[in-house]
């Protein structure tokens, strides 16, 4: 069997590159330090502090998806990975929102 006949399976993640990991590490570190500074400085109202922390958390989640899990749409398998991820998010949101709606209705009708 020839060396060139062996092919690596395509998981849709692209090639590993040290640069993308470094960018992800630096970005996540800066976002964490930003969140820490927002809390420790205590110069903003509570609602704005929560909004900034949650925004930084969402951005950091996306950075980790792209840089460390290498979620992309460059190949057909990569597109399938993104579609599966979005579908999982839709299912989770549906379950959480549905559960909250049921609990709110139960509370409302039990108290009235």
Protein backbone atom coordinates (compact mmCIF):
# COMPACT_ATOMS: atom_id res chain seq x y z
CA UNK A 1 0.00 0.00 0.00
CA UNK A 2 1.39 3.35 -1.04
CA UNK A 3 1.72 6.27 1.37
CA UNK A 4 -0.22 8.58 -0.96
CA UNK A 5 -3.27 6.30 -1.02
CA UNK A 6 -4.03 6.89 2.67
CA UNK A 7 -6.33 9.84 3.19
CA UNK A 8 -7.26 11.52 6.41
CA UNK A 9 -11.00 11.65 7.09
CA UNK A 10 -12.61 15.04 6.54
CA UNK A 11 -14.25 16.27 9.72
CA UNK A 12 -14.85 19.74 8.31
CA UNK A 13 -12.47 21.43 10.72
CA UNK A 14 -9.75 22.46 8.30
CA UNK A 15 -6.04 22.21 9.03
CA UNK A 16 -4.55 22.79 12.45
CA UNK A 17 -2.55 26.01 12.59
CA UNK A 18 -0.79 27.43 15.62
CA UNK A 19 -1.72 31.00 14.64
CA UNK A 20 -5.46 30.48 15.01
CA UNK A 21 -4.96 28.92 18.44
CA UNK A 22 -2.81 31.88 19.48
CA UNK A 23 -5.43 34.38 18.25
CA UNK A 24 -8.11 32.46 20.16
CA UNK A 25 -6.02 32.37 23.32
CA UNK A 26 -5.24 36.09 23.22
CA UNK A 27 -8.86 37.00 22.41
CA UNK A 28 -10.26 34.87 25.23
CA UNK A 29 -7.72 36.27 27.67
CA UNK A 30 -8.57 39.86 26.72
CA UNK A 31 -12.32 39.21 26.99
CA UNK A 32 -11.86 37.63 30.42
CA UNK A 33 -9.72 40.52 31.62
CA UNK A 34 -12.28 43.00 30.24
CA UNK A 35 -15.08 41.30 32.17
CA UNK A 36 -12.96 41.24 35.32
CA UNK A 37 -12.15 44.95 34.93
CA UNK A 38 -15.82 45.87 34.41
CA UNK A 39 -16.75 44.18 37.68
CA UNK A 40 -13.79 45.40 39.71
CA UNK A 41 -13.99 49.02 38.52
CA UNK A 42 -17.67 49.24 39.54
CA UNK A 43 -18.10 52.45 37.53
CA UNK A 44 -21.20 51.36 35.63
CA UNK A 45 -24.75 50.71 36.80
CA UNK A 46 -25.67 47.12 37.56
CA UNK A 47 -27.71 46.54 34.38
CA UNK A 48 -24.94 47.82 32.11
CA UNK A 49 -22.39 45.70 33.97
CA UNK A 50 -24.50 42.58 33.41
CA UNK A 51 -24.99 43.50 29.75
CA UNK A 52 -21.24 43.91 29.19
CA UNK A 53 -20.40 40.66 30.99
CA UNK A 54 -22.99 38.68 29.01
CA UNK A 55 -21.89 40.28 25.74
CA UNK A 56 -18.26 39.40 26.45
CA UNK A 57 -19.32 35.84 27.34
CA UNK A 58 -21.20 35.42 24.06
CA UNK A 59 -18.29 36.83 22.07
CA UNK A 60 -15.87 34.54 23.92
CA UNK A 61 -18.13 31.55 23.19
CA UNK A 62 -18.05 32.39 19.47
CA UNK A 63 -14.27 32.87 19.53
CA UNK A 64 -13.86 29.46 21.14
CA UNK A 65 -16.15 27.85 18.56
CA UNK A 66 -14.23 29.33 15.66
CA UNK A 67 -10.65 29.20 16.98
CA UNK A 68 -10.52 26.09 19.15
CA UNK A 69 -13.28 23.88 17.73
CA UNK A 70 -12.59 25.28 14.23
CA UNK A 71 -16.27 25.49 13.30
CA UNK A 72 -16.40 26.77 9.71
CA UNK A 73 -18.25 26.45 6.43
CA UNK A 74 -15.28 25.91 4.10
CA UNK A 75 -16.10 22.28 3.30
CA UNK A 76 -19.29 20.30 2.91
CA UNK A 77 -18.67 18.51 6.22
CA UNK A 78 -18.01 21.89 7.86
CA UNK A 79 -21.40 23.11 6.65
CA UNK A 80 -23.00 20.00 8.12
CA UNK A 81 -21.23 20.69 11.42
CA UNK A 82 -22.58 24.25 11.53
CA UNK A 83 -26.07 23.06 10.65
CA UNK A 84 -25.96 20.43 13.42
CA UNK A 85 -24.76 23.07 15.88
CA UNK A 86 -27.57 25.47 14.93
CA UNK A 87 -30.14 22.67 15.16
CA UNK A 88 -28.88 21.77 18.65
CA UNK A 89 -29.24 25.42 19.69
CA UNK A 90 -32.79 25.59 18.36
CA UNK A 91 -33.75 22.44 20.26
CA UNK A 92 -32.18 23.73 23.49
CA UNK A 93 -33.90 27.12 23.21
CA UNK A 94 -37.22 25.41 22.50
CA UNK A 95 -36.90 23.16 25.54
CA UNK A 96 -35.80 25.97 27.87
CA UNK A 97 -38.40 28.50 26.70
CA UNK A 98 -41.14 25.86 26.72
CA UNK A 99 -40.24 24.78 30.24
CA UNK A 100 -40.24 28.37 31.50
CA UNK A 101 -43.57 29.02 29.82
CA UNK A 102 -45.12 25.92 31.42
CA UNK A 103 -43.76 26.84 34.86
CA UNK A 104 -45.03 30.42 34.54
CA UNK A 105 -48.49 29.19 33.52
CA UNK A 106 -48.59 26.68 36.37
CA UNK A 107 -47.61 29.38 38.85
CA UNK A 108 -50.17 31.82 37.44
CA UNK A 109 -53.07 29.35 37.52
CA UNK A 110 -52.16 27.93 40.93
CA UNK A 111 -52.15 31.43 42.48
CA UNK A 112 -55.38 32.65 40.82
